[in-house]
Amino acid sequence: MILDYEVMLALGIIGFYLYDSSMLIYVNELVFSEHNGTWSFSYPKPNFQFLKKFLYIPNPLTPYRPIFRVFWSVNEINHSLQNKVDLQSFITALHPLRYMTYCLCFLLFFGLPIIVFILNTNSDLSLIFLFCGIYINILVMLSQIYRQKETLGLSRKVFVKLAIDSLACPPFALNLLRKISLNYSLGTPPVFFARHFFPNETFEQLINVLSHKIDDELKMEDKESDRHIALEEYKNKIMSMLI
């Protein structure tokens, strides 16, 4: 069965978007997410492993939420938080991109199917207008990013790469906000950061997840090894934060 060009185009948009969203992260890595001032976390399920990394795909329905890649370590110690003003400025600078991402999602995932499948038009003019709207949206996003690149912590080299990827493949532009936040370092050990920013229930879930991850690592370590001792001490330290 040969699929129509329009169907292939729609599937290609979804496929490129999911491909660009996917990441390979280590077992001691987590992904923090922020939405309207509320923080949460997620982590890869151990279903697929490649070169000691696990496949992780952020929620495909939330490209407008910034995500931050963090890793926990037994050597981390409590220290002062990164400047909250800088973090808030960064989050605030991302707000316009959220709305532009909404618009781009509509154009790609609703505008195209409406024109091709519902209106069932044979005119190329409708698609030309649609793609003009898509590229105008992307150019406005890139313009906003360039104006705020210092606040967003982006070098000119990184910005150019983001621009080329987005203009060459519009579905990649859906992840612009995510890529910018992934480039930003929270500058604080994840557990210590979560204790200050996460809701209590979410923080407890994080500690429980880390506790299970540590238990899995303990099973692979000799009980007399320095690594085993360090893992146990780290587990006791984070568990004490729940008291």
Protein backbone atom coordinates (compact mmCIF):
# COMPACT_ATOMS: atom_id res chain seq x y z
CA MET A 1 0.00 0.00 0.00
CA ILE A 2 1.44 3.36 -1.09
CA LEU A 3 0.59 6.25 1.20
CA ASP A 4 -0.46 9.58 -0.27
CA TYR A 5 1.99 12.46 -0.22
CA GLU A 6 -0.16 14.34 2.30
CA VAL A 7 -0.20 11.39 4.71
CA MET A 8 3.56 10.99 4.41
CA LEU A 9 4.00 14.71 5.10
CA ALA A 10 1.89 14.53 8.27
CA LEU A 11 3.70 11.39 9.49
CA GLY A 12 7.04 13.00 8.68
CA ILE A 13 6.25 16.03 10.84
CA ILE A 14 5.36 13.80 13.80
CA GLY A 15 8.38 11.57 13.23
CA PHE A 16 10.91 14.41 12.98
CA TYR A 17 9.41 16.08 16.06
CA LEU A 18 9.67 12.90 18.16
CA TYR A 19 13.17 12.18 16.84
CA ASP A 20 14.34 15.66 17.77
CA SER A 21 12.69 15.37 21.21
CA SER A 22 14.38 12.10 22.18
CA MET A 23 17.45 12.02 24.40
CA LEU A 24 19.85 9.42 25.77
CA ILE A 25 20.58 10.01 29.45
CA TYR A 26 22.57 8.17 32.11
CA VAL A 27 21.04 6.23 34.98
CA ASN A 28 21.98 8.96 37.46
CA GLU A 29 20.29 11.69 35.43
CA LEU A 30 16.85 13.19 35.89
CA VAL A 31 14.79 15.74 34.00
CA PHE A 32 13.24 18.65 35.88
CA SER A 33 10.35 20.56 34.36
CA GLU A 34 8.74 23.91 35.18
CA HIS A 35 5.23 25.10 34.36
CA ASN A 36 3.61 28.23 35.76
CA GLY A 37 5.96 28.24 38.73
CA THR A 38 5.38 24.57 39.60
CA TRP A 39 8.27 22.14 39.30
CA SER A 40 8.14 18.41 38.59
CA PHE A 41 10.52 15.68 37.49
CA SER A 42 10.67 12.65 35.24
CA TYR A 43 13.18 9.98 34.31
CA PRO A 44 13.65 7.31 31.63
CA LYS A 45 12.07 3.91 32.02
CA PRO A 46 14.69 1.13 31.68
CA ASN A 47 13.13 -0.30 28.53
CA PHE A 48 15.87 0.63 26.08
CA GLN A 49 19.56 0.99 26.84
CA PHE A 50 22.31 2.08 24.45
CA LEU A 51 25.95 2.58 25.47
CA LYS A 52 24.94 2.67 29.16
CA LYS A 53 22.34 5.34 28.44
CA PHE A 54 18.56 5.16 28.50
CA LEU A 55 16.11 6.51 25.94
CA TYR A 56 14.02 9.40 27.23
CA ILE A 57 11.29 11.23 25.32
CA PRO A 58 9.67 14.24 27.03
CA ASN A 59 5.89 14.47 26.99
CA PRO A 60 5.13 15.13 23.29
CA LEU A 61 2.10 17.22 24.28
CA THR A 62 4.09 19.77 26.30
CA PRO A 63 6.82 21.30 24.09
CA TYR A 64 6.05 24.64 25.77
CA ARG A 65 7.46 23.50 29.13
CA PRO A 66 11.17 24.12 29.82
CA ILE A 67 13.09 21.04 30.90
CA PHE A 68 16.42 20.85 32.70
CA ARG A 69 18.83 17.94 32.65
CA VAL A 70 20.33 17.25 36.09
CA PHE A 71 22.37 14.45 37.63
CA TRP A 72 22.74 13.28 41.20
CA SER A 73 26.04 12.27 42.72
CA VAL A 74 27.12 10.81 46.05
CA ASN A 75 29.72 13.57 46.22
CA GLU A 76 27.24 16.43 46.11
CA ILE A 77 26.96 18.57 49.19
CA ASN A 78 24.46 21.19 50.28
CA HIS A 79 25.35 24.71 49.30
CA SER A 80 23.59 27.96 48.51
CA LEU A 81 21.16 28.03 45.61
CA GLN A 82 22.11 29.61 42.34
CA ASN A 83 20.96 33.22 42.17
CA LYS A 84 17.16 32.99 42.18
CA VAL A 85 16.94 36.28 40.30
CA ASP A 86 18.94 34.84 37.38
CA LEU A 87 16.75 31.72 37.28
CA GLN A 88 13.55 33.78 37.39
CA SER A 89 14.87 36.06 34.65
CA PHE A 90 15.61 33.01 32.54
CA ILE A 91 12.12 31.56 33.07
CA THR A 92 10.52 34.94 32.34
CA ALA A 93 12.50 35.30 29.11
CA LEU A 94 11.04 31.98 27.95
CA HIS A 95 7.41 33.05 28.38
CA PRO A 96 6.96 34.62 24.90
CA LEU A 97 8.35 31.42 23.35
CA ARG A 98 5.63 29.39 25.07
CA TYR A 99 2.89 31.22 23.15
CA MET A 100 4.82 31.02 19.90
CA THR A 101 5.23 27.27 20.45
CA TYR A 102 1.44 26.97 20.93
CA CYS A 103 0.95 28.73 17.61
CA LEU A 104 3.50 26.56 15.80
CA CYS A 105 1.88 23.41 17.22
CA PHE A 106 -1.48 24.54 15.86
CA LEU A 107 -0.07 25.27 12.41
CA LEU A 108 1.77 21.94 12.16
CA PHE A 109 -0.63 19.54 13.85
CA PHE A 110 -4.00 21.17 13.14
CA GLY A 111 -3.56 23.60 10.27
CA LEU A 112 -2.01 21.05 7.93
CA PRO A 113 -4.58 18.27 8.54
CA ILE A 114 -7.46 20.76 8.22
CA ILE A 115 -6.22 21.98 4.84
CA VAL A 116 -5.26 18.57 3.47
CA PHE A 117 -7.82 16.17 4.90
CA ILE A 118 -10.88 18.20 5.94
CA LEU A 119 -10.99 20.94 3.30
CA ASN A 120 -9.59 18.39 0.85
CA THR A 121 -8.29 21.17 -1.33
CA ASN A 122 -6.18 20.48 -4.38
CA SER A 123 -4.84 24.00 -4.49
CA ASP A 124 -1.16 24.40 -3.69
CA LEU A 125 -1.89 27.99 -2.69
CA SER A 126 -3.38 26.95 0.65
CA LEU A 127 -0.27 24.95 1.54
CA ILE A 128 1.96 27.83 0.47
CA PHE A 129 0.12 30.18 2.83
CA LEU A 130 0.36 27.59 5.60
CA PHE A 131 4.11 27.15 5.19
CA CYS A 132 4.56 30.91 5.03
CA GLY A 133 2.77 31.14 8.37
CA ILE A 134 4.97 28.39 9.81
CA TYR A 135 8.20 30.07 8.74
CA ILE A 136 7.04 33.50 9.89
CA ASN A 137 6.32 31.95 13.30
CA ILE A 138 9.79 30.38 13.41
CA LEU A 139 11.49 33.63 12.38
CA VAL A 140 9.65 35.53 15.11
CA MET A 141 10.75 32.88 17.64
CA LEU A 142 14.37 33.14 16.49
CA SER A 143 14.20 36.93 16.64
CA GLN A 144 12.95 36.77 20.23
CA ILE A 145 15.67 34.28 21.16
CA TYR A 146 18.37 36.45 19.61
CA ARG A 147 17.22 39.53 21.51
CA GLN A 148 17.27 37.59 24.79
CA LYS A 149 20.29 35.38 24.08
CA GLU A 150 22.36 36.79 26.96
CA THR A 151 19.57 36.26 29.50
CA LEU A 152 19.01 32.79 28.04
CA GLY A 153 22.72 31.97 28.30
CA LEU A 154 23.16 31.28 24.61
CA SER A 155 26.35 31.88 22.68
CA ARG A 156 26.17 33.06 19.08
CA LYS A 157 27.39 29.65 17.92
CA VAL A 158 24.57 27.85 19.75
CA PHE A 159 22.01 30.32 18.42
CA VAL A 160 23.18 29.80 14.83
CA LYS A 161 22.86 26.02 15.23
CA LEU A 162 19.33 26.37 16.61
CA ALA A 163 18.40 28.69 13.76
CA ILE A 164 19.77 26.40 11.04
CA ASP A 165 18.05 23.32 12.49
CA SER A 166 14.71 25.11 12.86
CA LEU A 167 14.70 26.64 9.39
CA ALA A 168 15.90 23.46 7.71
CA CYS A 169 13.29 21.31 9.48
CA PRO A 170 10.27 23.17 10.94
CA PRO A 171 9.27 20.33 13.34
CA PHE A 172 12.63 20.87 15.07
CA ALA A 173 11.47 24.39 15.96
CA LEU A 174 8.86 22.88 18.27
CA ASN A 175 11.72 21.97 20.60
CA LEU A 176 13.40 25.38 20.62
CA LEU A 177 12.24 26.19 24.14
CA ARG A 178 13.33 22.78 25.42
CA LYS A 179 16.74 23.01 23.77
CA ILE A 180 17.35 26.41 25.35
CA SER A 181 16.44 25.17 28.83
CA LEU A 182 18.51 22.01 28.40
CA ASN A 183 21.46 24.30 27.65
CA TYR A 184 20.90 26.09 30.98
CA SER A 185 22.47 24.77 34.19
CA LEU A 186 20.52 25.03 37.42
CA GLY A 187 23.88 25.18 39.19
CA THR A 188 22.60 23.31 42.26
CA PRO A 189 22.54 19.60 43.19
CA PRO A 190 19.10 18.30 42.15
CA VAL A 191 17.95 17.08 45.57
CA PHE A 192 18.92 20.35 47.23
CA PHE A 193 17.23 22.31 44.42
CA ALA A 194 14.07 20.19 44.66
CA ARG A 195 13.82 20.68 48.41
CA HIS A 196 13.48 24.42 47.84
CA PHE A 197 11.34 24.49 44.68
CA PHE A 198 9.29 21.29 44.49
CA PRO A 199 5.91 20.80 46.18
CA ASN A 200 6.26 18.54 49.25
CA GLU A 201 4.50 15.61 47.62
CA THR A 202 6.63 15.82 44.48
CA PHE A 203 9.79 16.11 46.57
CA GLU A 204 8.86 12.94 48.47
CA GLN A 205 8.32 11.13 45.17
CA LEU A 206 11.74 12.26 43.99
CA ILE A 207 13.43 10.94 47.13
CA ASN A 208 11.64 7.61 46.79
CA VAL A 209 12.70 7.29 43.13
CA LEU A 210 16.31 8.08 43.99
CA SER A 211 16.20 5.62 46.87
CA HIS A 212 15.14 2.82 44.52
CA LYS A 213 17.83 3.79 42.02
CA ILE A 214 20.45 3.70 44.76
CA ASP A 215 19.21 0.28 45.92
CA ASP A 216 19.69 -1.02 42.37
CA GLU A 217 23.25 0.26 42.32
CA LEU A 218 23.98 -1.16 45.77
CA LYS A 219 23.11 -4.63 44.50
CA MET A 220 25.95 -4.37 41.97
CA GLU A 221 28.59 -3.14 44.45
CA ASP A 222 30.73 -5.06 46.90
CA LYS A 223 29.55 -4.30 50.43
CA GLU A 224 33.08 -3.43 51.49
CA SER A 225 33.80 -1.11 48.58
CA ASP A 226 34.10 2.64 48.96
CA ARG A 227 31.35 3.06 46.38
CA HIS A 228 28.92 0.94 48.41
CA ILE A 229 29.64 2.92 51.56
CA ALA A 230 29.25 6.23 49.73
CA LEU A 231 25.93 5.16 48.22
CA GLU A 232 24.57 4.13 51.61
CA GLU A 233 25.64 7.42 53.16
CA TYR A 234 24.06 9.37 50.32
CA LYS A 235 20.81 7.41 50.64
CA ASN A 236 20.68 8.04 54.39
CA LYS A 237 21.33 11.75 53.80
CA ILE A 238 18.51 12.23 51.28
CA MET A 239 16.08 10.10 53.28
CA SER A 240 16.73 12.27 56.32
CA MET A 241 15.37 15.23 54.32
CA LEU A 242 11.89 13.69 54.57
CA ILE A 243 11.88 13.86 58.36
